[in-house]
Amino acid sequence: MSERRRFERIEFHARTELSQGPYSWLVELLDVSLKGLLIEKPEPWLGNPEEPFIAVIHLSNEEEESVRMEVRLRHDDHGHLGFVCEHIDLDSIEHLRRLVELNLGDQDELKRELAALIRI
């Protein structure tokens, strides 16, 4: 059975930090969507899958140009961790929307994804 994604994943590499409680990891971002992200699993991995994480994707060297999401671990396999976004602030969603818009190159697809995000 093939998996049907509601949100197009964008291959994107940026300085990304993942934190949970006292733990913090500088991670390799593999891709991002309007609803989550995929990273390479850092070593050592001490994250608790039952608790939320904070992911910060730095879009530039300026602190205000970043995407900050509260995420939950959705899957852990083959050295990759997939997270689903549970909360994102308005500034971050605007930065993420612009990033997806620039990389999709398809206004209609972006509109469909934004509509699907609002319905969730």
C-alpha atoms as a PDB file:
ATOM      1  CA  MET A   1       0.000   0.000   0.000  1.00  0.00           C
ATOM      2  CA  SER A   2       1.445   3.376  -0.959  1.00  0.00           C
ATOM      3  CA  GLU A   3       1.469   6.254   1.505  1.00  0.00           C
ATOM      4  CA  ARG A   4      -0.459   9.377   0.436  1.00  0.00           C
ATOM      5  CA  ARG A   5       0.969  12.583   1.817  1.00  0.00           C
ATOM      6  CA  ARG A   6      -1.186  15.651   2.206  1.00  0.00           C
ATOM      7  CA  PHE A   7       1.848  17.939   2.306  1.00  0.00           C
ATOM      8  CA  GLU A   8       4.679  18.041  -0.208  1.00  0.00           C
ATOM      9  CA  ARG A   9       8.062  17.528   1.426  1.00  0.00           C
ATOM     10  CA  ILE A  10      10.775  19.962   0.405  1.00  0.00           C
ATOM     11  CA  GLU A  11      14.388  18.853   0.493  1.00  0.00           C
ATOM     12  CA  PHE A  12      16.014  21.634   2.463  1.00  0.00           C
ATOM     13  CA  HIS A  13      19.247  21.908   4.394  1.00  0.00           C
ATOM     14  CA  ALA A  14      19.589  24.522   7.124  1.00  0.00           C
ATOM     15  CA  ARG A  15      21.089  24.749  10.598  1.00  0.00           C
ATOM     16  CA  THR A  16      18.489  23.026  12.736  1.00  0.00           C
ATOM     17  CA  GLU A  17      18.252  22.537  16.473  1.00  0.00           C
ATOM     18  CA  LEU A  18      16.048  20.038  18.249  1.00  0.00           C
ATOM     19  CA  SER A  19      15.492  20.234  21.996  1.00  0.00           C
ATOM     20  CA  GLN A  20      13.531  18.501  24.703  1.00  0.00           C
ATOM     21  CA  GLY A  21      13.846  19.360  28.375  1.00  0.00           C
ATOM     22  CA  PRO A  22      17.555  19.418  29.277  1.00  0.00           C
ATOM     23  CA  TYR A  23      18.638  17.881  25.939  1.00  0.00           C
ATOM     24  CA  SER A  24      19.569  19.734  22.779  1.00  0.00           C
ATOM     25  CA  TRP A  25      20.888  18.428  19.472  1.00  0.00           C
ATOM     26  CA  LEU A  26      22.237  20.162  16.389  1.00  0.00           C
ATOM     27  CA  VAL A  27      20.684  17.961  13.689  1.00  0.00           C
ATOM     28  CA  GLU A  28      20.824  17.483   9.939  1.00  0.00           C
ATOM     29  CA  LEU A  29      17.541  18.528   8.367  1.00  0.00           C
ATOM     30  CA  LEU A  30      16.620  16.325   5.402  1.00  0.00           C
ATOM     31  CA  ASP A  31      13.271  17.767   4.440  1.00  0.00           C
ATOM     32  CA  VAL A  32      10.449  19.949   5.691  1.00  0.00           C
ATOM     33  CA  SER A  33       6.763  20.407   4.906  1.00  0.00           C
ATOM     34  CA  LEU A  34       3.963  22.605   6.169  1.00  0.00           C
ATOM     35  CA  LYS A  35       3.192  19.892   8.709  1.00  0.00           C
ATOM     36  CA  GLY A  36       6.528  18.469   9.843  1.00  0.00           C
ATOM     37  CA  LEU A  37      10.150  17.626   9.233  1.00  0.00           C
ATOM     38  CA  LEU A  38      12.558  14.743   8.741  1.00  0.00           C
ATOM     39  CA  ILE A  39      16.046  14.701  10.281  1.00  0.00           C
ATOM     40  CA  GLU A  40      18.967  12.341  10.579  1.00  0.00           C
ATOM     41  CA  LYS A  41      18.931  10.689  13.992  1.00  0.00           C
ATOM     42  CA  PRO A  42      21.603  12.310  16.181  1.00  0.00           C
ATOM     43  CA  GLU A  43      23.946  10.278  18.370  1.00  0.00           C
ATOM     44  CA  PRO A  44      23.551   9.838  21.217  1.00  0.00           C
ATOM     45  CA  TRP A  45      19.757   9.917  20.980  1.00  0.00           C
ATOM     46  CA  LEU A  46      18.138  10.454  24.382  1.00  0.00           C
ATOM     47  CA  GLY A  47      14.787  11.865  23.253  1.00  0.00           C
ATOM     48  CA  ASN A  48      11.567  10.722  24.910  1.00  0.00           C
ATOM     49  CA  PRO A  49       9.020   9.863  22.187  1.00  0.00           C
ATOM     50  CA  GLU A  50       6.152  10.463  24.630  1.00  0.00           C
ATOM     51  CA  GLU A  51       7.008  14.155  25.139  1.00  0.00           C
ATOM     52  CA  PRO A  52       7.020  17.109  22.690  1.00  0.00           C
ATOM     53  CA  PHE A  53      10.180  18.593  21.169  1.00  0.00           C
ATOM     54  CA  ILE A  54      11.041  22.088  19.968  1.00  0.00           C
ATOM     55  CA  ALA A  55      12.549  22.293  16.473  1.00  0.00           C
ATOM     56  CA  VAL A  56      14.177  25.510  15.257  1.00  0.00           C
ATOM     57  CA  ILE A  57      15.176  25.786  11.592  1.00  0.00           C
ATOM     58  CA  HIS A  58      17.494  28.753  11.057  1.00  0.00           C
ATOM     59  CA  LEU A  59      16.818  30.266   7.631  1.00  0.00           C
ATOM     60  CA  SER A  60      19.618  32.807   7.930  1.00  0.00           C
ATOM     61  CA  ASN A  61      22.215  33.979  10.419  1.00  0.00           C
ATOM     62  CA  GLU A  62      19.653  36.411  11.832  1.00  0.00           C
ATOM     63  CA  GLU A  63      17.688  34.966  14.748  1.00  0.00           C
ATOM     64  CA  GLU A  64      14.344  36.384  13.594  1.00  0.00           C
ATOM     65  CA  GLU A  65      14.546  34.440  10.330  1.00  0.00           C
ATOM     66  CA  SER A  66      13.776  31.025  11.716  1.00  0.00           C
ATOM     67  CA  VAL A  67      10.950  28.535  11.869  1.00  0.00           C
ATOM     68  CA  ARG A  68      10.112  27.377  15.399  1.00  0.00           C
ATOM     69  CA  MET A  69       7.736  24.447  15.836  1.00  0.00           C
ATOM     70  CA  GLU A  70       6.548  22.292  18.676  1.00  0.00           C
ATOM     71  CA  VAL A  71       6.753  18.781  17.224  1.00  0.00           C
ATOM     72  CA  ARG A  72       6.099  15.179  18.207  1.00  0.00           C
ATOM     73  CA  LEU A  73       8.041  12.166  17.049  1.00  0.00           C
ATOM     74  CA  ARG A  74       5.962  10.306  14.464  1.00  0.00           C
ATOM     75  CA  HIS A  75       8.482   7.661  13.360  1.00  0.00           C
ATOM     76  CA  ASP A  76      12.013   6.462  14.086  1.00  0.00           C
ATOM     77  CA  ASP A  77      13.454   4.221  11.392  1.00  0.00           C
ATOM     78  CA  HIS A  78      16.558   3.615   9.306  1.00  0.00           C
ATOM     79  CA  GLY A  79      18.505   6.378  11.075  1.00  0.00           C
ATOM     80  CA  HIS A  80      15.840   9.016  10.396  1.00  0.00           C
ATOM     81  CA  LEU A  81      13.394  10.713  12.743  1.00  0.00           C
ATOM     82  CA  GLY A  82      10.118  12.055  11.385  1.00  0.00           C
ATOM     83  CA  PHE A  83       8.241  14.704  13.342  1.00  0.00           C
ATOM     84  CA  VAL A  84       4.754  16.134  12.991  1.00  0.00           C
ATOM     85  CA  CYS A  85       4.131  19.774  13.852  1.00  0.00           C
ATOM     86  CA  GLU A  86       1.689  20.329  16.702  1.00  0.00           C
ATOM     87  CA  HIS A  87       2.116  24.078  17.104  1.00  0.00           C
ATOM     88  CA  ILE A  88       3.731  26.869  15.109  1.00  0.00           C
ATOM     89  CA  ASP A  89       3.527  30.642  15.641  1.00  0.00           C
ATOM     90  CA  LEU A  90       2.357  33.080  12.959  1.00  0.00           C
ATOM     91  CA  ASP A  91       5.837  34.418  12.106  1.00  0.00           C
ATOM     92  CA  SER A  92       7.194  30.892  11.719  1.00  0.00           C
ATOM     93  CA  ILE A  93       4.297  29.728   9.551  1.00  0.00           C
ATOM     94  CA  GLU A  94       4.835  32.734   7.272  1.00  0.00           C
ATOM     95  CA  HIS A  95       8.551  31.899   6.892  1.00  0.00           C
ATOM     96  CA  LEU A  96       7.693  28.244   6.267  1.00  0.00           C
ATOM     97  CA  ARG A  97       4.953  29.145   3.772  1.00  0.00           C
ATOM     98  CA  ARG A  98       7.408  31.310   1.834  1.00  0.00           C
ATOM     99  CA  LEU A  99      10.022  28.538   1.867  1.00  0.00           C
ATOM    100  CA  VAL A 100       7.524  25.995   0.537  1.00  0.00           C
ATOM    101  CA  GLU A 101       6.228  28.490  -2.040  1.00  0.00           C
ATOM    102  CA  LEU A 102       9.727  29.143  -3.388  1.00  0.00           C
ATOM    103  CA  ASN A 103      10.545  25.441  -3.599  1.00  0.00           C
ATOM    104  CA  LEU A 104       7.233  24.098  -4.921  1.00  0.00           C
ATOM    105  CA  GLY A 105       7.026  26.511  -7.820  1.00  0.00           C
ATOM    106  CA  ASP A 106       3.297  25.710  -8.082  1.00  0.00           C
ATOM    107  CA  GLN A 107       0.855  28.272  -6.645  1.00  0.00           C
ATOM    108  CA  ASP A 108      -2.122  25.918  -6.965  1.00  0.00           C
ATOM    109  CA  GLU A 109      -0.347  23.176  -4.994  1.00  0.00           C
ATOM    110  CA  LEU A 110       0.615  25.690  -2.306  1.00  0.00           C
ATOM    111  CA  LYS A 111      -3.009  26.840  -2.017  1.00  0.00           C
ATOM    112  CA  ARG A 112      -4.182  23.220  -1.666  1.00  0.00           C
ATOM    113  CA  GLU A 113      -1.607  22.557   1.067  1.00  0.00           C
ATOM    114  CA  LEU A 114      -2.493  25.710   2.975  1.00  0.00           C
ATOM    115  CA  ALA A 115      -6.191  24.821   2.786  1.00  0.00           C
ATOM    116  CA  ALA A 116      -5.425  21.313   4.065  1.00  0.00           C
ATOM    117  CA  LEU A 117      -3.346  22.756   6.904  1.00  0.00           C
ATOM    118  CA  ILE A 118      -6.211  25.014   7.987  1.00  0.00           C
ATOM    119  CA  ARG A 119      -8.619  22.045   8.034  1.00  0.00           C
ATOM    120  CA  ILE A 120      -6.392  19.992  10.365  1.00  0.00           C
END
